[in-house]
Amino acid sequence: MTMKTERNKTTFWDGETCEYCGGAIVEKRVTIHRQIKGEYVLIEDVPAGVCTECGTRYYTANVLKTVEASIHGRVPAVREVKVPVYAF
């Protein structure tokens, strides 16, 4: 975990590899989509480790605690969006 990024910063994911395919994991900001009690929820700009090969996402414990607080309404939503639904 001591490898440096281009900006000379060390991230939590430096040197980590994917448990499924062995690809390198890099830090990215992602959007999480969930359905909670019949309603859809989006959580944007979530820091995650993402495998460069297969796309598997990894989250730290503190990130998951923040996501849980958001999903259960302990953190107010920043906005609401109308979502169209299509049937296949």
PDB file of N, CA and C in Angstrom:
ATOM      1  N   MET A   1       0.800  -1.199   0.000  1.00  0.00           N
ATOM      2  CA  MET A   1       0.000   0.000   0.000  1.00  0.00           C
ATOM      3  C   MET A   1       0.846   1.269   0.000  1.00  0.00           C
ATOM      4  N   THR A   2       2.032   1.236  -0.523  1.00  0.00           N
ATOM      5  CA  THR A   2       2.871   2.425  -0.500  1.00  0.00           C
ATOM      6  C   THR A   2       3.078   3.020  -1.881  1.00  0.00           C
ATOM      7  N   MET A   3       2.453   2.458  -2.913  1.00  0.00           N
ATOM      8  CA  MET A   3       2.602   2.969  -4.264  1.00  0.00           C
ATOM      9  C   MET A   3       2.013   4.369  -4.383  1.00  0.00           C
ATOM     10  N   LYS A   4       2.647   5.243  -5.142  1.00  0.00           N
ATOM     11  CA  LYS A   4       2.186   6.624  -5.311  1.00  0.00           C
ATOM     12  C   LYS A   4       1.350   6.756  -6.580  1.00  0.00           C
ATOM     13  N   THR A   5       0.391   7.681  -6.572  1.00  0.00           N
ATOM     14  CA  THR A   5      -0.400   7.989  -7.752  1.00  0.00           C
ATOM     15  C   THR A   5       0.288   9.095  -8.534  1.00  0.00           C
ATOM     16  N   GLU A   6      -0.308   9.494  -9.681  1.00  0.00           N
ATOM     17  CA  GLU A   6       0.293  10.534 -10.516  1.00  0.00           C
ATOM     18  C   GLU A   6       0.444  11.863  -9.776  1.00  0.00           C
ATOM     19  N   ARG A   7      -0.432  12.164  -8.890  1.00  0.00           N
ATOM     20  CA  ARG A   7      -0.384  13.439  -8.168  1.00  0.00           C
ATOM     21  C   ARG A   7       0.435  13.320  -6.885  1.00  0.00           C
ATOM     22  N   ASN A   8       1.182  12.255  -6.746  1.00  0.00           N
ATOM     23  CA  ASN A   8       2.031  12.034  -5.579  1.00  0.00           C
ATOM     24  C   ASN A   8       1.239  11.823  -4.296  1.00  0.00           C
ATOM     25  N   LYS A   9       0.014  11.325  -4.409  1.00  0.00           N
ATOM     26  CA  LYS A   9      -0.816  11.020  -3.253  1.00  0.00           C
ATOM     27  C   LYS A   9      -0.895   9.504  -3.104  1.00  0.00           C
ATOM     28  N   THR A  10      -0.966   9.059  -1.878  1.00  0.00           N
ATOM     29  CA  THR A  10      -1.193   7.649  -1.626  1.00  0.00           C
ATOM     30  C   THR A  10      -2.677   7.466  -1.329  1.00  0.00           C
ATOM     31  N   THR A  11      -3.301   6.462  -1.945  1.00  0.00           N
ATOM     32  CA  THR A  11      -4.707   6.183  -1.654  1.00  0.00           C
ATOM     33  C   THR A  11      -4.797   4.871  -0.902  1.00  0.00           C
ATOM     34  N   PHE A  12      -5.934   4.652  -0.295  1.00  0.00           N
ATOM     35  CA  PHE A  12      -6.181   3.434   0.467  1.00  0.00           C
ATOM     36  C   PHE A  12      -5.995   2.189  -0.397  1.00  0.00           C
ATOM     37  N   TRP A  13      -6.295   2.297  -1.682  1.00  0.00           N
ATOM     38  CA  TRP A  13      -6.326   1.134  -2.559  1.00  0.00           C
ATOM     39  C   TRP A  13      -5.003   0.841  -3.258  1.00  0.00           C
ATOM     40  N   ASP A  14      -3.999   1.693  -3.115  1.00  0.00           N
ATOM     41  CA  ASP A  14      -2.712   1.471  -3.776  1.00  0.00           C
ATOM     42  C   ASP A  14      -2.130   0.104  -3.413  1.00  0.00           C
ATOM     43  N   GLY A  15      -1.756  -0.639  -4.434  1.00  0.00           N
ATOM     44  CA  GLY A  15      -1.151  -1.950  -4.227  1.00  0.00           C
ATOM     45  C   GLY A  15      -2.136  -3.086  -4.009  1.00  0.00           C
ATOM     46  N   GLU A  16      -3.422  -2.768  -3.900  1.00  0.00           N
ATOM     47  CA  GLU A  16      -4.440  -3.808  -3.690  1.00  0.00           C
ATOM     48  C   GLU A  16      -4.852  -4.407  -5.031  1.00  0.00           C
ATOM     49  N   THR A  17      -5.230  -5.684  -4.999  1.00  0.00           N
ATOM     50  CA  THR A  17      -5.675  -6.366  -6.209  1.00  0.00           C
ATOM     51  C   THR A  17      -7.050  -6.988  -5.985  1.00  0.00           C
ATOM     52  N   CYS A  18      -7.755  -7.185  -7.057  1.00  0.00           N
ATOM     53  CA  CYS A  18      -9.105  -7.745  -7.024  1.00  0.00           C
ATOM     54  C   CYS A  18      -9.062  -9.197  -6.572  1.00  0.00           C
ATOM     55  N   GLU A  19      -9.950  -9.548  -5.661  1.00  0.00           N
ATOM     56  CA  GLU A  19     -10.004 -10.925  -5.174  1.00  0.00           C
ATOM     57  C   GLU A  19     -10.580 -11.891  -6.211  1.00  0.00           C
ATOM     58  N   TYR A  20     -11.227 -11.371  -7.257  1.00  0.00           N
ATOM     59  CA  TYR A  20     -11.836 -12.226  -8.269  1.00  0.00           C
ATOM     60  C   TYR A  20     -10.942 -12.462  -9.478  1.00  0.00           C
ATOM     61  N   CYS A  21     -10.309 -11.390  -9.986  1.00  0.00           N
ATOM     62  CA  CYS A  21      -9.533 -11.551 -11.219  1.00  0.00           C
ATOM     63  C   CYS A  21      -8.066 -11.162 -11.078  1.00  0.00           C
ATOM     64  N   GLY A  22      -7.698 -10.562  -9.942  1.00  0.00           N
ATOM     65  CA  GLY A  22      -6.313 -10.170  -9.729  1.00  0.00           C
ATOM     66  C   GLY A  22      -5.940  -8.831 -10.331  1.00  0.00           C
ATOM     67  N   GLY A  23      -6.905  -8.118 -10.915  1.00  0.00           N
ATOM     68  CA  GLY A  23      -6.636  -6.806 -11.508  1.00  0.00           C
ATOM     69  C   GLY A  23      -6.309  -5.771 -10.454  1.00  0.00           C
ATOM     70  N   ALA A  24      -5.689  -4.695 -10.877  1.00  0.00           N
ATOM     71  CA  ALA A  24      -5.358  -3.595  -9.974  1.00  0.00           C
ATOM     72  C   ALA A  24      -6.626  -2.859  -9.556  1.00  0.00           C
ATOM     73  N   ILE A  25      -6.638  -2.370  -8.325  1.00  0.00           N
ATOM     74  CA  ILE A  25      -7.769  -1.596  -7.830  1.00  0.00           C
ATOM     75  C   ILE A  25      -7.353  -0.135  -7.765  1.00  0.00           C
ATOM     76  N   VAL A  26      -8.195   0.735  -8.327  1.00  0.00           N
ATOM     77  CA  VAL A  26      -7.939   2.168  -8.301  1.00  0.00           C
ATOM     78  C   VAL A  26      -9.111   2.881  -7.627  1.00  0.00           C
ATOM     79  N   GLU A  27      -8.831   4.030  -7.041  1.00  0.00           N
ATOM     80  CA  GLU A  27      -9.891   4.791  -6.389  1.00  0.00           C
ATOM     81  C   GLU A  27     -10.650   5.611  -7.421  1.00  0.00           C
ATOM     82  N   LYS A  28     -11.985   5.543  -7.344  1.00  0.00           N
ATOM     83  CA  LYS A  28     -12.862   6.305  -8.225  1.00  0.00           C
ATOM     84  C   LYS A  28     -14.046   6.793  -7.408  1.00  0.00           C
ATOM     85  N   ARG A  29     -14.798   7.722  -7.969  1.00  0.00           N
ATOM     86  CA  ARG A  29     -16.068   8.167  -7.398  1.00  0.00           C
ATOM     87  C   ARG A  29     -17.172   7.535  -8.228  1.00  0.00           C
ATOM     88  N   VAL A  30     -18.110   6.850  -7.559  1.00  0.00           N
ATOM     89  CA  VAL A  30     -19.155   6.107  -8.253  1.00  0.00           C
ATOM     90  C   VAL A  30     -20.534   6.515  -7.738  1.00  0.00           C
ATOM     91  N   THR A  31     -21.561   6.090  -8.448  1.00  0.00           N
ATOM     92  CA  THR A  31     -22.945   6.272  -8.012  1.00  0.00           C
ATOM     93  C   THR A  31     -23.506   4.909  -7.649  1.00  0.00           C
ATOM     94  N   ILE A  32     -24.112   4.822  -6.482  1.00  0.00           N
ATOM     95  CA  ILE A  32     -24.734   3.577  -6.025  1.00  0.00           C
ATOM     96  C   ILE A  32     -26.239   3.694  -6.252  1.00  0.00           C
ATOM     97  N   HIS A  33     -26.836   2.659  -6.857  1.00  0.00           N
ATOM     98  CA  HIS A  33     -28.275   2.598  -7.119  1.00  0.00           C
ATOM     99  C   HIS A  33     -28.857   1.505  -6.224  1.00  0.00           C
ATOM    100  N   ARG A  34     -29.881   1.815  -5.449  1.00  0.00           N
ATOM    101  CA  ARG A  34     -30.513   0.820  -4.586  1.00  0.00           C
ATOM    102  C   ARG A  34     -32.024   1.020  -4.577  1.00  0.00           C
ATOM    103  N   GLN A  35     -32.745  -0.083  -4.300  1.00  0.00           N
ATOM    104  CA  GLN A  35     -34.183  -0.001  -4.088  1.00  0.00           C
ATOM    105  C   GLN A  35     -34.420  -0.314  -2.611  1.00  0.00           C
ATOM    106  N   ILE A  36     -35.000   0.651  -1.907  1.00  0.00           N
ATOM    107  CA  ILE A  36     -35.250   0.519  -0.479  1.00  0.00           C
ATOM    108  C   ILE A  36     -36.743   0.693  -0.233  1.00  0.00           C
ATOM    109  N   LYS A  37     -37.367  -0.349   0.292  1.00  0.00           N
ATOM    110  CA  LYS A  37     -38.804  -0.311   0.590  1.00  0.00           C
ATOM    111  C   LYS A  37     -39.622   0.186  -0.595  1.00  0.00           C
ATOM    112  N   GLY A  38     -39.290  -0.317  -1.787  1.00  0.00           N
ATOM    113  CA  GLY A  38     -40.038   0.012  -2.987  1.00  0.00           C
ATOM    114  C   GLY A  38     -39.677   1.334  -3.645  1.00  0.00           C
ATOM    115  N   GLU A  39     -38.739   2.081  -3.060  1.00  0.00           N
ATOM    116  CA  GLU A  39     -38.325   3.346  -3.644  1.00  0.00           C
ATOM    117  C   GLU A  39     -36.869   3.266  -4.073  1.00  0.00           C
ATOM    118  N   TYR A  40     -36.572   3.905  -5.195  1.00  0.00           N
ATOM    119  CA  TYR A  40     -35.202   3.897  -5.697  1.00  0.00           C
ATOM    120  C   TYR A  40     -34.415   5.047  -5.087  1.00  0.00           C
ATOM    121  N   VAL A  41     -33.169   4.741  -4.757  1.00  0.00           N
ATOM    122  CA  VAL A  41     -32.283   5.710  -4.126  1.00  0.00           C
ATOM    123  C   VAL A  41     -30.975   5.744  -4.905  1.00  0.00           C
ATOM    124  N   LEU A  42     -30.456   6.939  -5.159  1.00  0.00           N
ATOM    125  CA  LEU A  42     -29.142   7.117  -5.778  1.00  0.00           C
ATOM    126  C   LEU A  42     -28.240   7.807  -4.769  1.00  0.00           C
ATOM    127  N   ILE A  43     -27.048   7.309  -4.623  1.00  0.00           N
ATOM    128  CA  ILE A  43     -26.056   7.973  -3.788  1.00  0.00           C
ATOM    129  C   ILE A  43     -24.868   8.265  -4.694  1.00  0.00           C
ATOM    130  N   GLU A  44     -24.622   9.553  -4.919  1.00  0.00           N
ATOM    131  CA  GLU A  44     -23.606   9.983  -5.876  1.00  0.00           C
ATOM    132  C   GLU A  44     -22.280  10.301  -5.203  1.00  0.00           C
ATOM    133  N   ASP A  45     -21.236  10.259  -6.012  1.00  0.00           N
ATOM    134  CA  ASP A  45     -19.902  10.693  -5.596  1.00  0.00           C
ATOM    135  C   ASP A  45     -19.353   9.863  -4.431  1.00  0.00           C
ATOM    136  N   VAL A  46     -19.607   8.561  -4.457  1.00  0.00           N
ATOM    137  CA  VAL A  46     -19.159   7.658  -3.393  1.00  0.00           C
ATOM    138  C   VAL A  46     -17.741   7.184  -3.704  1.00  0.00           C
ATOM    139  N   PRO A  47     -16.795   7.358  -2.773  1.00  0.00           N
ATOM    140  CA  PRO A  47     -15.444   6.858  -3.013  1.00  0.00           C
ATOM    141  C   PRO A  47     -15.433   5.328  -2.954  1.00  0.00           C
ATOM    142  N   ALA A  48     -14.808   4.713  -3.945  1.00  0.00           N
ATOM    143  CA  ALA A  48     -14.757   3.253  -4.009  1.00  0.00           C
ATOM    144  C   ALA A  48     -13.451   2.815  -4.645  1.00  0.00           C
ATOM    145  N   GLY A  49     -13.035   1.606  -4.316  1.00  0.00           N
ATOM    146  CA  GLY A  49     -11.952   0.969  -5.038  1.00  0.00           C
ATOM    147  C   GLY A  49     -12.587   0.183  -6.167  1.00  0.00           C
ATOM    148  N   VAL A  50     -12.137   0.389  -7.396  1.00  0.00           N
ATOM    149  CA  VAL A  50     -12.742  -0.278  -8.555  1.00  0.00           C
ATOM    150  C   VAL A  50     -11.663  -1.047  -9.308  1.00  0.00           C
ATOM    151  N   CYS A  51     -11.936  -2.322  -9.589  1.00  0.00           N
ATOM    152  CA  CYS A  51     -10.992  -3.153 -10.327  1.00  0.00           C
ATOM    153  C   CYS A  51     -10.896  -2.661 -11.767  1.00  0.00           C
ATOM    154  N   THR A  52      -9.668  -2.481 -12.250  1.00  0.00           N
ATOM    155  CA  THR A  52      -9.455  -1.996 -13.615  1.00  0.00           C
ATOM    156  C   THR A  52      -9.755  -3.065 -14.659  1.00  0.00           C
ATOM    157  N   GLU A  53      -9.842  -4.321 -14.243  1.00  0.00           N
ATOM    158  CA  GLU A  53     -10.100  -5.414 -15.185  1.00  0.00           C
ATOM    159  C   GLU A  53     -11.577  -5.794 -15.255  1.00  0.00           C
ATOM    160  N   CYS A  54     -12.189  -6.106 -14.108  1.00  0.00           N
ATOM    161  CA  CYS A  54     -13.569  -6.620 -14.125  1.00  0.00           C
ATOM    162  C   CYS A  54     -14.605  -5.648 -13.577  1.00  0.00           C
ATOM    163  N   GLY A  55     -14.158  -4.536 -12.982  1.00  0.00           N
ATOM    164  CA  GLY A  55     -15.101  -3.523 -12.505  1.00  0.00           C
ATOM    165  C   GLY A  55     -15.681  -3.768 -11.125  1.00  0.00           C
ATOM    166  N   THR A  56     -15.266  -4.823 -10.439  1.00  0.00           N
ATOM    167  CA  THR A  56     -15.763  -5.068  -9.087  1.00  0.00           C
ATOM    168  C   THR A  56     -15.464  -3.867  -8.211  1.00  0.00           C
ATOM    169  N   ARG A  57     -16.449  -3.489  -7.389  1.00  0.00           N
ATOM    170  CA  ARG A  57     -16.291  -2.333  -6.509  1.00  0.00           C
ATOM    171  C   ARG A  57     -16.029  -2.793  -5.079  1.00  0.00           C
ATOM    172  N   TYR A  58     -15.172  -2.047  -4.401  1.00  0.00           N
ATOM    173  CA  TYR A  58     -14.865  -2.286  -2.991  1.00  0.00           C
ATOM    174  C   TYR A  58     -15.082  -0.982  -2.233  1.00  0.00           C
ATOM    175  N   TYR A  59     -15.628  -1.085  -1.018  1.00  0.00           N
ATOM    176  CA  TYR A  59     -15.895   0.092  -0.198  1.00  0.00           C
ATOM    177  C   TYR A  59     -15.271  -0.089   1.176  1.00  0.00           C
ATOM    178  N   THR A  60     -14.782   1.006   1.756  1.00  0.00           N
ATOM    179  CA  THR A  60     -14.259   0.947   3.119  1.00  0.00           C
ATOM    180  C   THR A  60     -15.426   0.952   4.100  1.00  0.00           C
ATOM    181  N   ALA A  61     -15.165   0.544   5.331  1.00  0.00           N
ATOM    182  CA  ALA A  61     -16.215   0.469   6.348  1.00  0.00           C
ATOM    183  C   ALA A  61     -16.846   1.835   6.616  1.00  0.00           C
ATOM    184  N   ASN A  62     -16.027   2.884   6.694  1.00  0.00           N
ATOM    185  CA  ASN A  62     -16.606   4.204   6.980  1.00  0.00           C
ATOM    186  C   ASN A  62     -17.480   4.695   5.831  1.00  0.00           C
ATOM    187  N   VAL A  63     -17.147   4.347   4.601  1.00  0.00           N
ATOM    188  CA  VAL A  63     -17.982   4.710   3.456  1.00  0.00           C
ATOM    189  C   VAL A  63     -19.318   3.965   3.546  1.00  0.00           C
ATOM    190  N   LEU A  64     -19.280   2.689   3.877  1.00  0.00           N
ATOM    191  CA  LEU A  64     -20.524   1.915   3.992  1.00  0.00           C
ATOM    192  C   LEU A  64     -21.417   2.441   5.112  1.00  0.00           C
ATOM    193  N   LYS A  65     -20.835   2.914   6.208  1.00  0.00           N
ATOM    194  CA  LYS A  65     -21.634   3.500   7.299  1.00  0.00           C
ATOM    195  C   LYS A  65     -22.327   4.769   6.819  1.00  0.00           C
ATOM    196  N   THR A  66     -21.634   5.585   6.040  1.00  0.00           N
ATOM    197  CA  THR A  66     -22.230   6.808   5.505  1.00  0.00           C
ATOM    198  C   THR A  66     -23.334   6.481   4.504  1.00  0.00           C
ATOM    199  N   VAL A  67     -23.111   5.476   3.670  1.00  0.00           N
ATOM    200  CA  VAL A  67     -24.135   5.036   2.714  1.00  0.00           C
ATOM    201  C   VAL A  67     -25.375   4.557   3.468  1.00  0.00           C
ATOM    202  N   GLU A  68     -25.183   3.762   4.506  1.00  0.00           N
ATOM    203  CA  GLU A  68     -26.308   3.261   5.295  1.00  0.00           C
ATOM    204  C   GLU A  68     -27.091   4.411   5.931  1.00  0.00           C
ATOM    205  N   ALA A  69     -26.398   5.399   6.469  1.00  0.00           N
ATOM    206  CA  ALA A  69     -27.071   6.552   7.063  1.00  0.00           C
ATOM    207  C   ALA A  69     -27.877   7.300   6.018  1.00  0.00           C
ATOM    208  N   SER A  70     -27.344   7.426   4.817  1.00  0.00           N
ATOM    209  CA  SER A  70     -28.067   8.101   3.740  1.00  0.00           C
ATOM    210  C   SER A  70     -29.312   7.332   3.350  1.00  0.00           C
ATOM    211  N   ILE A  71     -29.172   6.035   3.168  1.00  0.00           N
ATOM    212  CA  ILE A  71     -30.291   5.194   2.733  1.00  0.00           C
ATOM    213  C   ILE A  71     -31.422   5.193   3.756  1.00  0.00           C
ATOM    214  N   HIS A  72     -31.098   5.214   5.027  1.00  0.00           N
ATOM    215  CA  HIS A  72     -32.122   5.140   6.072  1.00  0.00           C
ATOM    216  C   HIS A  72     -32.611   6.513   6.520  1.00  0.00           C
ATOM    217  N   GLY A  73     -32.256   7.555   5.773  1.00  0.00           N
ATOM    218  CA  GLY A  73     -32.821   8.866   6.016  1.00  0.00           C
ATOM    219  C   GLY A  73     -32.185   9.670   7.135  1.00  0.00           C
ATOM    220  N   ARG A  74     -31.073   9.208   7.681  1.00  0.00           N
ATOM    221  CA  ARG A  74     -30.421   9.972   8.740  1.00  0.00           C
ATOM    222  C   ARG A  74     -29.622  11.149   8.175  1.00  0.00           C
ATOM    223  N   VAL A  75     -29.402  11.118   6.873  1.00  0.00           N
ATOM    224  CA  VAL A  75     -28.758  12.226   6.172  1.00  0.00           C
ATOM    225  C   VAL A  75     -29.770  12.725   5.141  1.00  0.00           C
ATOM    226  N   PRO A  76     -30.057  14.030   5.112  1.00  0.00           N
ATOM    227  CA  PRO A  76     -31.066  14.518   4.168  1.00  0.00           C
ATOM    228  C   PRO A  76     -30.596  14.415   2.718  1.00  0.00           C
ATOM    229  N   ALA A  77     -31.541  14.144   1.826  1.00  0.00           N
ATOM    230  CA  ALA A  77     -31.241  14.085   0.393  1.00  0.00           C
ATOM    231  C   ALA A  77     -30.919  15.485  -0.122  1.00  0.00           C
ATOM    232  N   VAL A  78     -30.005  15.563  -1.083  1.00  0.00           N
ATOM    233  CA  VAL A  78     -29.644  16.872  -1.650  1.00  0.00           C
ATOM    234  C   VAL A  78     -30.610  17.296  -2.751  1.00  0.00           C
ATOM    235  N   ARG A  79     -31.282  16.332  -3.373  1.00  0.00           N
ATOM    236  CA  ARG A  79     -32.288  16.626  -4.383  1.00  0.00           C
ATOM    237  C   ARG A  79     -33.058  15.351  -4.701  1.00  0.00           C
ATOM    238  N   GLU A  80     -34.166  15.495  -5.412  1.00  0.00           N
ATOM    239  CA  GLU A  80     -34.931  14.346  -5.883  1.00  0.00           C
ATOM    240  C   GLU A  80     -35.061  14.464  -7.389  1.00  0.00           C
ATOM    241  N   VAL A  81     -35.083  13.301  -8.057  1.00  0.00           N
ATOM    242  CA  VAL A  81     -35.227  13.276  -9.509  1.00  0.00           C
ATOM    243  C   VAL A  81     -36.390  12.376  -9.890  1.00  0.00           C
ATOM    244  N   LYS A  82     -37.017  12.713 -10.985  1.00  0.00           N
ATOM    245  CA  LYS A  82     -38.091  11.891 -11.533  1.00  0.00           C
ATOM    246  C   LYS A  82     -37.443  10.855 -12.443  1.00  0.00           C
ATOM    247  N   VAL A  83     -37.805   9.584 -12.293  1.00  0.00           N
ATOM    248  CA  VAL A  83     -37.177   8.507 -13.047  1.00  0.00           C
ATOM    249  C   VAL A  83     -38.207   7.817 -13.914  1.00  0.00           C
ATOM    250  N   PRO A  84     -38.023   7.827 -15.243  1.00  0.00           N
ATOM    251  CA  PRO A  84     -38.946   7.088 -16.112  1.00  0.00           C
ATOM    252  C   PRO A  84     -38.729   5.578 -15.966  1.00  0.00           C
ATOM    253  N   VAL A  85     -39.801   4.815 -16.100  1.00  0.00           N
ATOM    254  CA  VAL A  85     -39.731   3.357 -15.983  1.00  0.00           C
ATOM    255  C   VAL A  85     -40.230   2.754 -17.295  1.00  0.00           C
ATOM    256  N   TYR A  86     -39.440   1.843 -17.857  1.00  0.00           N
ATOM    257  CA  TYR A  86     -39.803   1.166 -19.085  1.00  0.00           C
ATOM    258  C   TYR A  86     -39.898  -0.325 -18.829  1.00  0.00           C
ATOM    259  N   ALA A  87     -40.813  -1.005 -19.514  1.00  0.00           N
ATOM    260  CA  ALA A  87     -40.924  -2.458 -19.430  1.00  0.00           C
ATOM    261  C   ALA A  87     -40.276  -3.074 -20.655  1.00  0.00           C
ATOM    262  N   PHE A  88     -39.655  -4.201 -20.492  1.00  0.00           N
ATOM    263  CA  PHE A  88     -38.976  -4.879 -21.596  1.00  0.00           C
ATOM    264  C   PHE A  88     -39.908  -5.886 -22.214  1.00  0.00           C
TER     265      PHE A  88
END
